[in-house]
């Protein structure tokens, strides 16, 4: 009789665990990191420009303020945990951006080849190569007038 009651108790316990596992939890999931905006940017700490891109589509806009040169285009976004990577390579430019959304820091490398034109028809006579470091992506300003040093 003990064996039968023990077997019955085990069956009831297993059935109860199975039912509990299938129930939806009533509580909201806990956040596991900082909120992530849809658009993120990297700004040159020295005031030389900024790049902003969409995490979902990869579309970006880059403004090299010190050269008065801007361009935009599609890019590829890869997300690995809190690390975000943007890359875009064409016949006229290369763009590589790395962001850490947890530390709120980013780096960008842009190279614009000579004789490239921006959307306004302006042409660069020489190639441009820039390396930017942004130690706080939360305080970025996307306006060249605010980035230029006062004289």
Protein backbone atom coordinates (compact mmCIF):
# COMPACT_ATOMS: atom_id res chain seq x y z
CA UNK A 1 0.00 0.00 0.00
CA UNK A 2 2.87 2.38 0.77
CA UNK A 3 4.37 1.81 -2.67
CA UNK A 4 1.09 2.67 -4.37
CA UNK A 5 0.59 5.85 -2.31
CA UNK A 6 4.21 6.90 -2.94
CA UNK A 7 3.78 6.29 -6.68
CA UNK A 8 0.52 8.29 -6.66
CA UNK A 9 2.23 11.19 -4.80
CA UNK A 10 5.05 11.27 -7.35
CA UNK A 11 2.55 11.32 -10.25
CA UNK A 12 0.61 14.19 -8.66
CA UNK A 13 3.84 16.10 -8.01
CA UNK A 14 5.05 15.69 -11.60
CA UNK A 15 1.66 16.72 -12.98
CA UNK A 16 1.66 19.83 -10.78
CA UNK A 17 5.15 20.84 -11.89
CA UNK A 18 4.15 20.39 -15.53
CA UNK A 19 1.08 22.62 -15.09
CA UNK A 20 3.11 25.30 -13.27
CA UNK A 21 5.72 25.33 -16.06
CA UNK A 22 3.04 26.00 -18.66
CA UNK A 23 1.44 28.92 -16.80
CA UNK A 24 2.45 32.43 -17.81
CA UNK A 25 4.21 34.49 -15.19
CA UNK A 26 2.17 37.40 -13.83
CA UNK A 27 5.13 39.72 -13.24
CA UNK A 28 6.88 41.90 -15.77
CA UNK A 29 10.39 40.86 -16.75
CA UNK A 30 13.20 42.68 -15.00
CA UNK A 31 15.27 45.06 -17.11
CA UNK A 32 18.73 43.71 -17.88
CA UNK A 33 20.47 46.89 -18.99
CA UNK A 34 20.08 50.52 -19.94
CA UNK A 35 17.31 51.48 -22.36
CA UNK A 36 18.40 51.38 -25.99
CA UNK A 37 17.20 54.11 -28.36
CA UNK A 38 16.44 53.31 -31.99
CA UNK A 39 18.95 55.89 -33.24
CA UNK A 40 22.42 56.20 -31.76
CA UNK A 41 25.30 58.51 -32.53
CA UNK A 42 29.03 58.97 -32.13
CA UNK A 43 30.44 62.47 -31.86
CA UNK A 44 34.04 63.52 -32.26
CA UNK A 45 35.31 64.69 -28.87
CA UNK A 46 37.42 67.34 -30.61
CA UNK A 47 34.38 68.87 -32.33
CA UNK A 48 35.08 67.50 -35.77
CA UNK A 49 31.65 66.04 -36.49
CA UNK A 50 29.17 63.30 -35.74
CA UNK A 51 27.58 60.19 -37.20
CA UNK A 52 24.05 59.03 -36.39
CA UNK A 53 22.52 55.72 -37.46
CA UNK A 54 19.39 53.66 -37.09
CA UNK A 55 19.87 50.36 -35.24
CA UNK A 56 17.09 48.63 -37.17
CA UNK A 57 17.80 49.70 -40.75
CA UNK A 58 21.48 50.67 -40.69
CA UNK A 59 20.81 53.99 -42.45
CA UNK A 60 23.35 56.57 -41.34
CA UNK A 61 24.21 60.24 -41.72
CA UNK A 62 27.76 61.44 -41.22
CA UNK A 63 28.74 65.09 -40.91
CA UNK A 64 32.44 65.97 -40.90
CA UNK A 65 32.02 69.49 -39.58
CA UNK A 66 35.65 70.58 -39.79
CA UNK A 67 35.71 69.77 -43.52
CA UNK A 68 32.16 71.04 -44.14
CA UNK A 69 31.40 67.67 -45.71
CA UNK A 70 28.36 65.44 -45.12
CA UNK A 71 27.22 62.14 -46.59
CA UNK A 72 24.72 59.40 -45.83
CA UNK A 73 23.80 55.92 -46.94
CA UNK A 74 22.83 52.42 -45.93
CA UNK A 75 25.00 50.33 -43.65
CA UNK A 76 24.98 46.96 -41.97
CA UNK A 77 24.32 46.75 -38.24
CA UNK A 78 25.43 43.82 -36.12
CA UNK A 79 24.50 43.55 -32.46
CA UNK A 80 26.38 41.32 -30.03
CA UNK A 81 25.05 41.79 -26.52
CA UNK A 82 25.60 45.45 -25.67
CA UNK A 83 28.10 45.92 -28.50
CA UNK A 84 26.81 47.44 -31.75
CA UNK A 85 28.76 47.53 -34.99
CA UNK A 86 27.98 49.56 -38.12
CA UNK A 87 29.85 49.08 -41.37
CA UNK A 88 29.39 50.61 -44.80
CA UNK A 89 31.79 50.31 -47.71
CA UNK A 90 31.21 51.88 -51.14
CA UNK A 91 33.32 53.20 -53.99
CA UNK A 92 33.46 56.66 -52.38
CA UNK A 93 33.69 56.01 -48.62
CA UNK A 94 34.20 53.52 -45.79
CA UNK A 95 32.50 53.80 -42.41
CA UNK A 96 33.07 51.62 -39.34
CA UNK A 97 31.46 52.36 -35.97
CA UNK A 98 31.68 50.46 -32.70
CA UNK A 99 29.41 51.27 -29.73
CA UNK A 100 29.14 49.80 -26.29
CA UNK A 101 25.62 50.60 -25.12
CA UNK A 102 26.33 49.53 -21.56
CA UNK A 103 29.37 51.81 -21.09
CA UNK A 104 27.76 54.47 -23.36
CA UNK A 105 30.97 54.86 -25.38
CA UNK A 106 31.75 54.67 -29.07
CA UNK A 107 34.44 54.87 -31.72
CA UNK A 108 34.16 55.64 -35.41
CA UNK A 109 36.46 55.49 -38.42
CA UNK A 110 35.52 57.16 -41.68
CA UNK A 111 37.48 57.42 -44.89
CA UNK A 112 36.20 59.44 -47.82
CA UNK A 113 38.13 58.90 -51.02
CA UNK A 114 39.30 61.79 -53.19
CA UNK A 115 36.81 63.10 -55.76
CA UNK A 116 33.84 61.88 -53.71
CA UNK A 117 30.79 64.16 -53.75
CA UNK A 118 28.27 64.72 -51.00
CA UNK A 119 24.52 65.18 -51.44
CA UNK A 120 24.91 68.90 -52.24
CA UNK A 121 27.34 68.30 -55.09
CA UNK A 122 30.43 69.49 -53.20
CA UNK A 123 33.56 67.56 -54.08
CA UNK A 124 36.52 66.77 -51.86
CA UNK A 125 39.85 67.34 -53.58
CA UNK A 126 41.78 65.21 -51.15
CA UNK A 127 40.77 62.09 -49.31
CA UNK A 128 39.61 62.45 -45.71
CA UNK A 129 40.39 59.95 -42.95
CA UNK A 130 38.99 60.49 -39.46
CA UNK A 131 39.14 58.49 -36.21
CA UNK A 132 36.68 59.59 -33.54
CA UNK A 133 36.30 58.59 -29.90
CA UNK A 134 33.17 59.40 -27.91
CA UNK A 135 33.38 58.75 -24.16
CA UNK A 136 29.72 59.64 -23.50
CA UNK A 137 27.18 59.06 -26.25
CA UNK A 138 24.40 60.45 -24.05
CA UNK A 139 25.52 64.08 -24.37
CA UNK A 140 25.95 64.21 -28.17
CA UNK A 141 24.87 67.27 -30.12
CA UNK A 142 23.99 66.72 -33.75
CA UNK A 143 24.71 70.28 -34.87
CA UNK A 144 28.00 71.46 -36.37
CA UNK A 145 27.57 75.01 -35.05
CA UNK A 146 27.59 73.67 -31.48
CA UNK A 147 30.65 71.49 -32.12
CA UNK A 148 32.98 74.09 -33.61
CA UNK A 149 35.39 75.67 -31.14
CA UNK A 150 34.75 79.33 -30.33
CA UNK A 151 37.33 81.80 -31.69
